[in-house]
Protein backbone atom coordinates (compact mmCIF):
# COMPACT_ATOMS: atom_id res chain seq x y z
CA MET A 1 -195.88 -59.79 25.87
CA LYS A 2 -195.93 -56.74 27.88
CA THR A 3 -198.38 -54.58 25.87
CA PHE A 4 -199.28 -50.92 26.20
CA LEU A 5 -202.26 -49.89 24.23
CA LEU A 6 -202.08 -46.29 23.06
CA GLY A 7 -205.68 -45.22 21.72
CA VAL A 8 -205.02 -41.86 19.77
CA GLY A 9 -208.63 -41.37 18.43
CA ALA A 10 -210.48 -40.02 16.73
CA GLN A 11 -212.87 -38.21 18.73
CA LYS A 12 -216.44 -39.52 18.48
CA SER A 13 -215.40 -42.47 16.95
CA ALA A 14 -216.18 -45.30 19.12
CA THR A 15 -213.10 -44.83 21.70
CA THR A 16 -215.21 -44.79 24.76
CA TRP A 17 -216.95 -47.97 23.64
CA LEU A 18 -213.34 -49.48 23.04
CA HIS A 19 -212.39 -48.59 26.47
CA GLU A 20 -215.41 -50.25 28.06
CA TYR A 21 -214.72 -53.39 26.15
CA THR A 22 -210.98 -53.62 26.97
CA GLN A 23 -211.43 -52.53 30.53
CA ALA A 24 -214.10 -55.38 31.15
CA HIS A 25 -211.42 -57.90 29.55
CA GLU A 26 -209.48 -59.58 32.35
CA ASN A 27 -206.41 -59.25 30.66
CA CYS A 28 -206.44 -55.40 30.53
CA ASP A 29 -206.34 -52.73 33.08
CA LEU A 30 -206.35 -49.16 31.80
CA GLY A 31 -206.14 -47.96 35.27
CA LEU A 32 -207.64 -44.70 36.73
CA LYS A 33 -209.31 -43.31 33.92
CA LYS A 34 -210.07 -43.56 30.09
CA GLU A 35 -208.58 -40.34 28.88
CA TYR A 36 -205.41 -39.43 30.72
CA HIS A 37 -204.68 -36.33 28.51
CA ILE A 38 -201.00 -36.17 29.36
CA PHE A 39 -199.26 -35.68 26.11
CA ASP A 40 -201.98 -33.60 24.07
CA ALA A 41 -201.49 -31.23 27.16
CA LEU A 42 -197.77 -30.98 27.32
CA PHE A 43 -197.12 -31.26 23.66
CA LYS A 44 -199.85 -29.15 22.02
CA PRO A 45 -201.05 -26.64 24.74
CA ASN A 46 -201.90 -24.41 21.90
CA LYS A 47 -204.33 -26.29 20.26
CA GLY A 48 -206.61 -25.52 23.55
CA ASN A 49 -205.15 -28.82 25.48
CA HIS A 50 -203.52 -26.94 28.15
CA VAL A 51 -206.92 -27.14 30.08
CA PHE A 52 -206.63 -30.65 30.77
CA MET A 53 -203.42 -29.83 32.88
CA ALA A 54 -205.07 -26.61 34.34
CA HIS A 55 -208.39 -28.72 35.59
CA SER A 56 -206.04 -31.52 37.02
CA LEU A 57 -204.07 -29.18 39.11
CA LYS A 58 -207.35 -27.30 40.06
CA ARG A 59 -208.84 -30.74 41.20
CA VAL A 60 -205.69 -31.16 43.25
CA GLN A 61 -206.60 -27.62 44.72
CA ASN A 62 -210.29 -28.07 45.37
CA LEU A 63 -209.77 -31.57 47.18
CA THR A 64 -206.93 -30.50 49.28
CA GLU A 65 -209.17 -27.39 50.55
CA GLN A 66 -212.07 -29.75 51.09
CA LYS A 67 -209.69 -32.30 53.11
CA ILE A 68 -208.28 -29.39 55.15
CA LYS A 69 -212.05 -28.02 55.85
CA LYS A 70 -213.17 -31.55 57.01
CA GLY A 71 -210.32 -32.72 58.80
CA ALA A 72 -209.46 -29.67 61.00
CA GLY A 73 -208.26 -30.69 64.40
CA LYS A 74 -208.49 -34.49 63.26
CA THR A 75 -205.92 -37.20 62.45
CA PRO A 76 -205.30 -36.87 58.69
CA THR A 77 -206.81 -39.90 56.89
CA LEU A 78 -206.20 -41.44 53.44
CA ASP A 79 -208.44 -39.50 50.79
CA ALA A 80 -208.92 -41.93 47.53
CA GLN A 81 -209.85 -38.91 45.65
CA LEU A 82 -206.99 -36.70 46.45
CA ASP A 83 -204.77 -39.60 46.20
CA LYS A 84 -206.00 -40.14 42.47
CA ALA A 85 -205.78 -36.31 41.80
CA LEU A 86 -202.32 -36.38 43.00
CA LYS A 87 -201.31 -39.18 41.06
CA ILE A 88 -202.68 -37.71 37.91
CA ALA A 89 -201.25 -34.28 38.54
CA SER A 90 -197.50 -35.96 38.70
CA PHE A 91 -197.84 -37.46 35.34
CA TYR A 92 -197.62 -33.58 34.13
CA THR A 93 -194.57 -32.82 36.25
CA ASP A 94 -192.69 -36.01 35.46
CA MET A 95 -193.69 -38.17 32.58
CA GLU A 96 -191.51 -41.04 34.09
CA ASN A 97 -194.34 -40.98 36.76
CA TYR A 98 -196.77 -41.89 34.13
CA ALA A 99 -194.72 -44.72 32.49
CA GLN A 100 -194.27 -46.20 36.27
CA TYR A 101 -197.67 -45.98 36.98
CA PHE A 102 -198.58 -48.14 34.13
CA ASP A 103 -195.38 -50.51 34.89
CA GLN A 104 -196.82 -51.00 38.31
CA LEU A 105 -200.54 -51.40 37.08
CA TYR A 106 -199.08 -54.17 34.72
CA ASP A 107 -197.25 -55.90 37.55
CA ALA A 108 -199.76 -55.89 39.90
CA ASN A 109 -201.98 -58.54 38.57
CA ILE A 110 -200.78 -61.75 36.74
CA LYS A 111 -203.39 -61.95 34.36
CA THR A 112 -202.75 -58.35 33.14
CA LYS A 113 -201.29 -58.34 29.57
CA VAL A 114 -202.58 -54.90 28.52
CA VAL A 115 -202.28 -51.54 30.13
CA GLY A 116 -203.15 -48.23 28.42
CA ASP A 117 -204.31 -44.93 27.89
CA ILE A 118 -207.23 -44.25 25.01
CA THR A 119 -207.08 -40.05 24.76
CA PRO A 120 -208.52 -39.16 21.22
CA SER A 121 -206.77 -35.99 21.23
CA TYR A 122 -203.50 -37.67 20.89
CA SER A 123 -204.53 -37.58 17.34
CA LEU A 124 -202.79 -34.12 17.52
CA LEU A 125 -199.38 -35.15 18.02
CA ASP A 126 -196.70 -35.31 15.65
CA ALA A 127 -193.96 -37.64 14.89
CA GLU A 128 -191.84 -36.29 17.44
CA ASP A 129 -194.28 -36.30 20.10
CA PHE A 130 -195.08 -40.12 19.24
CA THR A 131 -191.21 -40.71 19.09
CA PHE A 132 -191.23 -39.57 22.58
CA VAL A 133 -194.11 -41.56 24.03
CA LYS A 134 -192.99 -44.63 22.14
CA THR A 135 -189.19 -44.23 23.79
CA LEU A 136 -190.80 -43.36 27.11
CA LEU A 137 -192.76 -46.74 27.30
CA GLU A 138 -190.34 -48.90 25.62
CA ARG A 139 -187.79 -48.11 28.26
CA ARG A 140 -190.35 -49.85 30.57
CA GLY A 141 -190.23 -52.73 28.56
CA PHE A 142 -193.58 -52.02 26.81
CA GLU A 143 -194.60 -52.77 23.04
CA VAL A 144 -196.91 -50.17 22.21
CA LYS A 145 -199.81 -50.98 20.18
CA VAL A 146 -201.68 -48.19 18.47
CA ILE A 147 -205.30 -48.04 17.82
CA PHE A 148 -206.79 -45.45 15.66
CA LEU A 149 -210.46 -45.32 15.12
CA MET A 150 -211.85 -42.96 12.21
CA ARG A 151 -215.32 -41.56 11.39
CA ASP A 152 -216.61 -39.92 8.46
CA PRO A 153 -215.25 -36.30 9.08
CA VAL A 154 -218.48 -34.35 8.56
CA GLU A 155 -220.31 -37.17 10.94
CA ARG A 156 -217.58 -36.62 13.49
CA ALA A 157 -217.63 -33.15 13.40
CA TYR A 158 -221.55 -32.99 13.73
CA SER A 159 -221.30 -35.65 16.54
CA ALA A 160 -218.87 -33.43 18.41
CA ALA A 161 -220.99 -30.34 18.04
CA ARG A 162 -223.77 -32.16 19.57
CA MET A 163 -221.78 -33.68 22.37
CA SER A 164 -220.63 -29.84 23.23
CA ILE A 165 -224.31 -28.90 23.58
CA ARG A 166 -224.94 -32.30 25.86
CA ASP A 167 -222.19 -31.29 27.96
CA ARG A 168 -222.95 -27.57 28.44
CA GLU A 169 -226.58 -28.55 29.18
CA ALA A 170 -225.54 -31.30 31.74
CA ALA A 171 -223.43 -28.53 33.53
CA GLY A 172 -226.67 -26.42 33.82
CA LYS A 173 -225.41 -23.97 30.93
CA VAL A 174 -227.60 -22.20 28.54
CA VAL A 175 -226.92 -23.02 24.96
CA GLU A 176 -228.02 -20.62 22.58
CA LYS A 177 -226.33 -21.84 19.36
CA THR A 178 -227.56 -24.80 17.29
CA ALA A 179 -225.37 -27.75 16.71
CA GLU A 180 -224.84 -26.86 13.15
CA GLU A 181 -223.59 -23.53 14.17
CA ILE A 182 -221.18 -25.05 16.80
CA MET A 183 -220.03 -27.53 14.30
CA ILE A 184 -219.16 -24.45 11.72
CA GLU A 185 -217.30 -22.60 14.69
CA GLN A 186 -215.39 -25.74 15.84
CA ILE A 187 -213.93 -26.71 12.59
CA LYS A 188 -212.29 -23.24 12.29
CA SER A 189 -210.21 -23.80 15.34
CA PRO A 190 -207.12 -25.66 15.11
CA GLY A 191 -207.90 -28.37 17.93
CA HIS A 192 -211.04 -29.49 16.74
CA PHE A 193 -210.04 -29.34 12.96
CA GLY A 194 -207.00 -31.09 13.89
CA ARG A 195 -208.89 -33.91 15.14
CA GLY A 196 -210.52 -34.54 12.01
CA ARG A 197 -207.15 -34.38 10.04
CA TYR A 198 -206.78 -38.37 10.07
CA ASP A 199 -204.30 -37.69 7.14
CA LEU A 200 -201.69 -35.95 9.33
CA THR A 201 -202.02 -38.46 12.32
CA ILE A 202 -201.41 -41.55 9.90
CA ARG A 203 -198.49 -40.09 8.42
CA ALA A 204 -197.15 -39.02 11.82
CA LEU A 205 -197.93 -42.54 13.34
CA GLU A 206 -196.29 -44.43 10.15
CA GLN A 207 -192.98 -42.39 10.52
CA VAL A 208 -192.74 -43.93 14.27
CA PHE A 209 -194.37 -47.09 14.63
CA ASN A 210 -194.10 -50.41 12.61
CA ALA A 211 -197.12 -51.24 10.38
CA GLU A 212 -197.89 -54.53 12.44
CA ASN A 213 -198.25 -52.29 15.76
CA ILE A 214 -200.76 -50.11 14.31
CA HIS A 215 -204.50 -50.81 13.77
CA TYR A 216 -206.86 -48.56 12.04
CA GLY A 217 -210.52 -49.10 12.46
CA PHE A 218 -213.71 -47.29 11.42
CA TYR A 219 -216.71 -46.34 13.45
CA GLU A 220 -219.19 -47.49 10.56
CA THR A 221 -217.75 -50.90 10.29
CA LEU A 222 -216.62 -51.57 13.86
CA PHE A 223 -219.54 -53.23 15.49
CA ASN A 224 -219.02 -57.00 14.50
CA ASP A 225 -217.20 -59.99 15.73
CA ALA A 226 -214.91 -59.95 12.95
CA GLU A 227 -213.46 -56.21 13.39
CA VAL A 228 -213.26 -56.58 17.19
CA ARG A 229 -211.17 -59.74 16.71
CA LYS A 230 -208.80 -57.59 14.68
CA ILE A 231 -208.47 -55.40 17.97
CA THR A 232 -207.74 -58.43 20.18
CA ASN A 233 -205.55 -59.76 17.86
CA ILE A 234 -203.34 -56.86 17.76
CA LEU A 235 -203.39 -56.62 21.60
CA GLY A 236 -202.73 -60.39 22.21
CA ILE A 237 -205.70 -61.24 23.94
CA ASP A 238 -208.53 -63.59 23.70
CA PHE A 239 -211.52 -62.46 21.77
CA ILE A 240 -214.72 -62.04 23.78
CA SER A 241 -217.79 -61.37 21.85
CA PRO A 242 -218.97 -57.85 22.96
CA ASP A 243 -222.44 -56.38 23.85
CA PHE A 244 -223.04 -54.54 20.36
CA ASP A 245 -225.97 -53.07 21.91
CA MET A 246 -224.24 -51.15 24.36
CA LYS A 247 -224.44 -47.28 23.70
CA VAL A 248 -221.74 -45.19 25.38
CA ASN A 249 -221.38 -41.40 25.36
CA ALA A 250 -223.83 -40.94 22.60
CA SER A 251 -224.80 -37.49 21.36
CA PRO A 252 -228.65 -36.87 20.88
CA ARG A 253 -229.45 -36.26 17.34
CA THR A 254 -232.52 -34.29 17.10
CA ILE A 255 -232.15 -32.60 14.00
CA GLU A 256 -229.86 -32.79 10.71
CA ALA A 257 -227.40 -30.34 9.54
CA SER A 258 -228.34 -28.15 6.44
CA GLU A 259 -226.79 -29.52 3.12
CA GLU A 260 -225.04 -26.04 2.83
CA SER A 261 -223.37 -26.69 6.27
CA ILE A 262 -222.37 -30.43 5.33
CA ILE A 263 -220.61 -29.13 1.91
CA GLN A 264 -218.74 -26.58 4.12
CA VAL A 265 -217.50 -29.16 6.40
CA ARG A 266 -216.89 -31.37 3.40
CA GLN A 267 -214.69 -29.06 1.62
CA ARG A 268 -212.79 -28.16 4.82
CA PHE A 269 -211.70 -31.81 4.97
CA GLU A 270 -210.98 -32.55 1.29
CA GLU A 271 -207.42 -33.63 1.86
CA VAL A 272 -208.69 -36.13 4.35
CA TYR A 273 -211.14 -37.67 2.20
CA CYS A 274 -208.54 -37.83 -0.75
CA PHE A 275 -205.81 -39.31 1.40
CA CYS A 276 -207.96 -41.95 2.95
CA LYS A 277 -209.54 -42.87 -0.66
CA GLU A 278 -205.96 -43.52 -1.51
CA LYS A 279 -205.03 -45.56 1.60
CA PHE A 280 -207.88 -47.66 2.31
CA GLY A 281 -209.42 -47.97 -1.13
CA GLU A 282 -211.92 -45.48 -2.83
CA GLU A 283 -214.91 -47.73 -3.16
CA PHE A 284 -214.60 -48.61 0.61
CA ILE A 285 -214.36 -45.10 1.67
CA GLU A 286 -217.28 -43.89 -0.48
CA ARG A 287 -219.13 -46.68 0.95
CA ILE A 288 -218.94 -46.28 4.48
CA TRP A 289 -218.66 -42.42 4.62
CA LYS A 290 -221.23 -40.38 3.10
CA GLY A 291 -219.35 -37.33 2.69
CA ALA A 292 -216.98 -38.93 0.62
CA ALA A 293 -219.34 -39.06 -2.21
CA ILE A 294 -220.43 -35.22 -2.16
């Protein structure tokens, strides 16, 4: 089976771990990067995702300027970084280039059964957007398998805020606000809040994809052989026991959020908790998500 793995989130719910696991599998090739940010940038620019296209085009400009400066008066040579940047930029100008890239990736190695794109902010897409993506890839002969990993909305929001601090500090920026303050700010923005609206994502997915082509997983229960087997089964690849001690993209947790902030975030995601209790079972959700019992 010619399979395309469409990872749609959620942010801070072990999508990077999933990428590392699948990318290391001999039957998977996810290509140039983990998060391509094509469909979120093109379909949901008003939720802050336009920056991904801008960053991609800016990188092409910067690398081109560097190449011109270094190669002045010399015979032009292949620049792998620029070639990669141009390829990704071309996905924005014509999404057929995106589909063709993964088609070629699949054909490049006889062992490859799965190619794909794990971009958490694809969780912001609606049914019309997912229909476009599905049709685009099916025209190339792919069967699209969706993986949507979730995490307690309160915990996910707090982890995202800590990641924001971590990334800013790594860039040499001064961070004056606490993770708690950033969390409260972020859940007020459509983009950040939308990443936690699992109910909307699930409804959109189920309007477009058959149930057997969607896998729902949970950060809190993911790290065991039985749960990972569910992922390899839907992808049609052999199970390989993972390294569950491997930590990827972790955000330092030096202080806990106050009860007042937790309640505020919990109330913001009330519809999500109610929906997930109904869909996945009240006892199960209350057992794995602390926020569900508040």
